[in-house]
Amino acid sequence: MSAGLKPGITNLVAGQSGAGKSTLTQILRKTNPGYSGLVRVAAEAPTAISPQHYVSHVD
């Protein structure tokens, strides 16, 4: 899966069953620390961002 989400607009994640929608949501919510691959939020890995800074970028 590859996606570029832009700040300030509503983004839709759609796909077939098993495509990774729930996994992506878990990664962005920081509830799936065991993922493999590359995920960046504001140029940082979700696990490297402080909770306060992270919340300011993820709505």
PDB file of N, CA and C in Angstrom:
ATOM      1  N   MET A   1       0.840  -1.153   0.000  1.00  0.00           N
ATOM      2  CA  MET A   1       0.000   0.000   0.000  1.00  0.00           C
ATOM      3  C   MET A   1       0.892   1.224   0.000  1.00  0.00           C
ATOM      4  N   SER A   2       0.528   2.206  -0.778  1.00  0.00           N
ATOM      5  CA  SER A   2       1.235   3.480  -0.802  1.00  0.00           C
ATOM      6  C   SER A   2       0.195   4.586  -0.799  1.00  0.00           C
ATOM      7  N   ALA A   3       0.375   5.567   0.052  1.00  0.00           N
ATOM      8  CA  ALA A   3      -0.591   6.657   0.137  1.00  0.00           C
ATOM      9  C   ALA A   3       0.122   7.939   0.516  1.00  0.00           C
ATOM     10  N   GLY A   4      -0.362   9.017  -0.005  1.00  0.00           N
ATOM     11  CA  GLY A   4       0.112  10.336   0.385  1.00  0.00           C
ATOM     12  C   GLY A   4      -1.076  11.120   0.900  1.00  0.00           C
ATOM     13  N   LEU A   5      -1.139  11.325   2.195  1.00  0.00           N
ATOM     14  CA  LEU A   5      -2.262  12.021   2.807  1.00  0.00           C
ATOM     15  C   LEU A   5      -1.873  13.467   3.046  1.00  0.00           C
ATOM     16  N   LYS A   6      -2.748  14.359   2.670  1.00  0.00           N
ATOM     17  CA  LYS A   6      -2.442  15.785   2.788  1.00  0.00           C
ATOM     18  C   LYS A   6      -3.113  16.383   4.016  1.00  0.00           C
ATOM     19  N   PRO A   7      -2.406  17.255   4.720  1.00  0.00           N
ATOM     20  CA  PRO A   7      -2.984  17.875   5.915  1.00  0.00           C
ATOM     21  C   PRO A   7      -4.096  18.849   5.548  1.00  0.00           C
ATOM     22  N   GLY A   8      -5.059  18.965   6.442  1.00  0.00           N
ATOM     23  CA  GLY A   8      -6.112  19.944   6.267  1.00  0.00           C
ATOM     24  C   GLY A   8      -7.280  19.492   5.419  1.00  0.00           C
ATOM     25  N   ILE A   9      -7.217  18.288   4.875  1.00  0.00           N
ATOM     26  CA  ILE A   9      -8.335  17.772   4.093  1.00  0.00           C
ATOM     27  C   ILE A   9      -8.685  16.377   4.601  1.00  0.00           C
ATOM     28  N   THR A  10      -9.923  15.971   4.373  1.00  0.00           N
ATOM     29  CA  THR A  10     -10.352  14.634   4.747  1.00  0.00           C
ATOM     30  C   THR A  10      -9.855  13.650   3.707  1.00  0.00           C
ATOM     31  N   ASN A  11      -9.242  12.576   4.160  1.00  0.00           N
ATOM     32  CA  ASN A  11      -8.716  11.543   3.269  1.00  0.00           C
ATOM     33  C   ASN A  11      -9.512  10.268   3.471  1.00  0.00           C
ATOM     34  N   LEU A  12      -9.728   9.531   2.400  1.00  0.00           N
ATOM     35  CA  LEU A  12     -10.454   8.271   2.440  1.00  0.00           C
ATOM     36  C   LEU A  12      -9.490   7.133   2.159  1.00  0.00           C
ATOM     37  N   VAL A  13      -9.539   6.115   2.999  1.00  0.00           N
ATOM     38  CA  VAL A  13      -8.752   4.905   2.764  1.00  0.00           C
ATOM     39  C   VAL A  13      -9.755   3.810   2.431  1.00  0.00           C
ATOM     40  N   ALA A  14      -9.675   3.288   1.225  1.00  0.00           N
ATOM     41  CA  ALA A  14     -10.612   2.262   0.766  1.00  0.00           C
ATOM     42  C   ALA A  14      -9.837   1.117   0.148  1.00  0.00           C
ATOM     43  N   GLY A  15     -10.408  -0.061   0.203  1.00  0.00           N
ATOM     44  CA  GLY A  15      -9.775  -1.216  -0.411  1.00  0.00           C
ATOM     45  C   GLY A  15     -10.512  -2.490  -0.062  1.00  0.00           C
ATOM     46  N   GLN A  16     -10.115  -3.552  -0.718  1.00  0.00           N
ATOM     47  CA  GLN A  16     -10.726  -4.848  -0.483  1.00  0.00           C
ATOM     48  C   GLN A  16     -10.367  -5.359   0.904  1.00  0.00           C
ATOM     49  N   SER A  17     -11.111  -6.351   1.338  1.00  0.00           N
ATOM     50  CA  SER A  17     -10.821  -7.016   2.598  1.00  0.00           C
ATOM     51  C   SER A  17      -9.397  -7.559   2.563  1.00  0.00           C
ATOM     52  N   GLY A  18      -8.643  -7.289   3.608  1.00  0.00           N
ATOM     53  CA  GLY A  18      -7.264  -7.770   3.680  1.00  0.00           C
ATOM     54  C   GLY A  18      -6.242  -6.851   3.046  1.00  0.00           C
ATOM     55  N   ALA A  19      -6.672  -5.690   2.557  1.00  0.00           N
ATOM     56  CA  ALA A  19      -5.754  -4.768   1.883  1.00  0.00           C
ATOM     57  C   ALA A  19      -4.854  -4.007   2.851  1.00  0.00           C
ATOM     58  N   GLY A  20      -5.238  -3.930   4.128  1.00  0.00           N
ATOM     59  CA  GLY A  20      -4.403  -3.252   5.112  1.00  0.00           C
ATOM     60  C   GLY A  20      -4.995  -1.990   5.699  1.00  0.00           C
ATOM     61  N   LYS A  21      -6.277  -1.742   5.465  1.00  0.00           N
ATOM     62  CA  LYS A  21      -6.904  -0.525   5.983  1.00  0.00           C
ATOM     63  C   LYS A  21      -6.854  -0.461   7.507  1.00  0.00           C
ATOM     64  N   SER A  22      -7.254  -1.534   8.147  1.00  0.00           N
ATOM     65  CA  SER A  22      -7.250  -1.562   9.619  1.00  0.00           C
ATOM     66  C   SER A  22      -5.835  -1.503  10.166  1.00  0.00           C
ATOM     67  N   THR A  23      -4.915  -2.179   9.513  1.00  0.00           N
ATOM     68  CA  THR A  23      -3.517  -2.149   9.947  1.00  0.00           C
ATOM     69  C   THR A  23      -2.958  -0.740   9.840  1.00  0.00           C
ATOM     70  N   LEU A  24      -3.245  -0.044   8.753  1.00  0.00           N
ATOM     71  CA  LEU A  24      -2.793   1.341   8.601  1.00  0.00           C
ATOM     72  C   LEU A  24      -3.352   2.209   9.722  1.00  0.00           C
ATOM     73  N   THR A  25      -4.630   2.045  10.015  1.00  0.00           N
ATOM     74  CA  THR A  25      -5.242   2.817  11.096  1.00  0.00           C
ATOM     75  C   THR A  25      -4.568   2.514  12.428  1.00  0.00           C
ATOM     76  N   GLN A  26      -4.272   1.242  12.691  1.00  0.00           N
ATOM     77  CA  GLN A  26      -3.589   0.866  13.931  1.00  0.00           C
ATOM     78  C   GLN A  26      -2.198   1.492  14.007  1.00  0.00           C
ATOM     79  N   ILE A  27      -1.490   1.504  12.905  1.00  0.00           N
ATOM     80  CA  ILE A  27      -0.149   2.100  12.884  1.00  0.00           C
ATOM     81  C   ILE A  27      -0.239   3.594  13.168  1.00  0.00           C
ATOM     82  N   LEU A  28      -1.180   4.273  12.529  1.00  0.00           N
ATOM     83  CA  LEU A  28      -1.323   5.713  12.737  1.00  0.00           C
ATOM     84  C   LEU A  28      -1.793   6.035  14.152  1.00  0.00           C
ATOM     85  N   ARG A  29      -2.549   5.129  14.766  1.00  0.00           N
ATOM     86  CA  ARG A  29      -2.991   5.321  16.147  1.00  0.00           C
ATOM     87  C   ARG A  29      -1.952   4.845  17.151  1.00  0.00           C
ATOM     88  N   LYS A  30      -0.841   4.308  16.647  1.00  0.00           N
ATOM     89  CA  LYS A  30       0.259   3.819  17.479  1.00  0.00           C
ATOM     90  C   LYS A  30      -0.157   2.632  18.343  1.00  0.00           C
ATOM     91  N   THR A  31      -1.054   1.785  17.813  1.00  0.00           N
ATOM     92  CA  THR A  31      -1.485   0.592  18.535  1.00  0.00           C
ATOM     93  C   THR A  31      -0.973  -0.681  17.869  1.00  0.00           C
ATOM     94  N   ASN A  32      -0.111  -0.554  16.870  1.00  0.00           N
ATOM     95  CA  ASN A  32       0.482  -1.708  16.188  1.00  0.00           C
ATOM     96  C   ASN A  32       1.973  -1.443  15.999  1.00  0.00           C
ATOM     97  N   PRO A  33       2.760  -1.564  17.077  1.00  0.00           N
ATOM     98  CA  PRO A  33       4.187  -1.250  16.969  1.00  0.00           C
ATOM     99  C   PRO A  33       5.000  -2.305  16.223  1.00  0.00           C
ATOM    100  N   GLY A  34       4.419  -3.480  15.937  1.00  0.00           N
ATOM    101  CA  GLY A  34       5.178  -4.559  15.322  1.00  0.00           C
ATOM    102  C   GLY A  34       5.087  -4.621  13.807  1.00  0.00           C
ATOM    103  N   TYR A  35       4.727  -3.536  13.158  1.00  0.00           N
ATOM    104  CA  TYR A  35       4.584  -3.545  11.703  1.00  0.00           C
ATOM    105  C   TYR A  35       5.949  -3.510  11.024  1.00  0.00           C
ATOM    106  N   SER A  36       5.971  -3.905   9.768  1.00  0.00           N
ATOM    107  CA  SER A  36       7.189  -3.750   8.971  1.00  0.00           C
ATOM    108  C   SER A  36       6.854  -2.855   7.793  1.00  0.00           C
ATOM    109  N   GLY A  37       7.812  -2.106   7.361  1.00  0.00           N
ATOM    110  CA  GLY A  37       7.590  -1.175   6.264  1.00  0.00           C
ATOM    111  C   GLY A  37       7.951   0.235   6.693  1.00  0.00           C
ATOM    112  N   LEU A  38       7.609   1.185   5.873  1.00  0.00           N
ATOM    113  CA  LEU A  38       7.965   2.579   6.119  1.00  0.00           C
ATOM    114  C   LEU A  38       6.701   3.418   6.248  1.00  0.00           C
ATOM    115  N   VAL A  39       6.526   4.030   7.399  1.00  0.00           N
ATOM    116  CA  VAL A  39       5.405   4.929   7.648  1.00  0.00           C
ATOM    117  C   VAL A  39       5.993   6.211   8.204  1.00  0.00           C
ATOM    118  N   ARG A  40       5.577   7.337   7.665  1.00  0.00           N
ATOM    119  CA  ARG A  40       6.073   8.628   8.135  1.00  0.00           C
ATOM    120  C   ARG A  40       4.899   9.574   8.359  1.00  0.00           C
ATOM    121  N   VAL A  41       4.949  10.297   9.471  1.00  0.00           N
ATOM    122  CA  VAL A  41       3.993  11.351   9.783  1.00  0.00           C
ATOM    123  C   VAL A  41       4.822  12.589  10.039  1.00  0.00           C
ATOM    124  N   ALA A  42       4.632  13.612   9.236  1.00  0.00           N
ATOM    125  CA  ALA A  42       5.439  14.832   9.342  1.00  0.00           C
ATOM    126  C   ALA A  42       6.926  14.479   9.289  1.00  0.00           C
ATOM    127  N   ALA A  43       7.293  13.583   8.373  1.00  0.00           N
ATOM    128  CA  ALA A  43       8.669  13.147   8.105  1.00  0.00           C
ATOM    129  C   ALA A  43       9.287  12.313   9.222  1.00  0.00           C
ATOM    130  N   GLU A  44       8.497  11.872  10.197  1.00  0.00           N
ATOM    131  CA  GLU A  44       9.003  11.067  11.311  1.00  0.00           C
ATOM    132  C   GLU A  44       8.241   9.752  11.395  1.00  0.00           C
ATOM    133  N   ALA A  45       8.894   8.727  11.936  1.00  0.00           N
ATOM    134  CA  ALA A  45       8.204   7.470  12.221  1.00  0.00           C
ATOM    135  C   ALA A  45       7.203   7.725  13.344  1.00  0.00           C
ATOM    136  N   PRO A  46       5.993   7.165  13.266  1.00  0.00           N
ATOM    137  CA  PRO A  46       5.007   7.398  14.327  1.00  0.00           C
ATOM    138  C   PRO A  46       5.533   7.092  15.722  1.00  0.00           C
ATOM    139  N   THR A  47       6.370   6.072  15.865  1.00  0.00           N
ATOM    140  CA  THR A  47       6.890   5.715  17.185  1.00  0.00           C
ATOM    141  C   THR A  47       7.918   6.710  17.709  1.00  0.00           C
ATOM    142  N   ALA A  48       8.471   7.558  16.846  1.00  0.00           N
ATOM    143  CA  ALA A  48       9.500   8.510  17.260  1.00  0.00           C
ATOM    144  C   ALA A  48       8.929   9.874  17.649  1.00  0.00           C
ATOM    145  N   ILE A  49       7.644  10.062  17.464  1.00  0.00           N
ATOM    146  CA  ILE A  49       7.022  11.363  17.723  1.00  0.00           C
ATOM    147  C   ILE A  49       6.416  11.369  19.123  1.00  0.00           C
ATOM    148  N   SER A  50       6.618  12.453  19.856  1.00  0.00           N
ATOM    149  CA  SER A  50       6.015  12.567  21.180  1.00  0.00           C
ATOM    150  C   SER A  50       4.496  12.593  21.024  1.00  0.00           C
ATOM    151  N   PRO A  51       3.767  12.090  22.013  1.00  0.00           N
ATOM    152  CA  PRO A  51       2.305  12.083  21.901  1.00  0.00           C
ATOM    153  C   PRO A  51       1.713  13.462  21.633  1.00  0.00           C
ATOM    154  N   GLN A  52       2.240  14.498  22.251  1.00  0.00           N
ATOM    155  CA  GLN A  52       1.710  15.845  22.051  1.00  0.00           C
ATOM    156  C   GLN A  52       1.917  16.309  20.608  1.00  0.00           C
ATOM    157  N   HIS A  53       3.110  16.098  20.077  1.00  0.00           N
ATOM    158  CA  HIS A  53       3.400  16.500  18.698  1.00  0.00           C
ATOM    159  C   HIS A  53       2.592  15.655  17.720  1.00  0.00           C
ATOM    160  N   TYR A  54       2.479  14.372  18.005  1.00  0.00           N
ATOM    161  CA  TYR A  54       1.760  13.450  17.126  1.00  0.00           C
ATOM    162  C   TYR A  54       0.296  13.858  16.993  1.00  0.00           C
ATOM    163  N   VAL A  55      -0.350  14.151  18.123  1.00  0.00           N
ATOM    164  CA  VAL A  55      -1.763  14.526  18.102  1.00  0.00           C
ATOM    165  C   VAL A  55      -1.980  15.793  17.289  1.00  0.00           C
ATOM    166  N   SER A  56      -1.004  16.676  17.264  1.00  0.00           N
ATOM    167  CA  SER A  56      -1.158  17.907  16.488  1.00  0.00           C
ATOM    168  C   SER A  56      -1.126  17.647  14.985  1.00  0.00           C
ATOM    169  N   HIS A  57      -0.653  16.460  14.557  1.00  0.00           N
ATOM    170  CA  HIS A  57      -0.585  16.127  13.133  1.00  0.00           C
ATOM    171  C   HIS A  57      -1.607  15.089  12.695  1.00  0.00           C
ATOM    172  N   VAL A  58      -2.175  14.351  13.629  1.00  0.00           N
ATOM    173  CA  VAL A  58      -3.147  13.303  13.300  1.00  0.00           C
ATOM    174  C   VAL A  58      -4.464  13.671  13.939  1.00  0.00           C
ATOM    175  N   ASP A  59      -5.486  13.747  13.132  1.00  0.00           N
ATOM    176  CA  ASP A  59      -6.798  14.155  13.623  1.00  0.00           C
ATOM    177  C   ASP A  59      -7.753  12.990  13.622  1.00  0.00           C
TER     178      ASP A  59
END
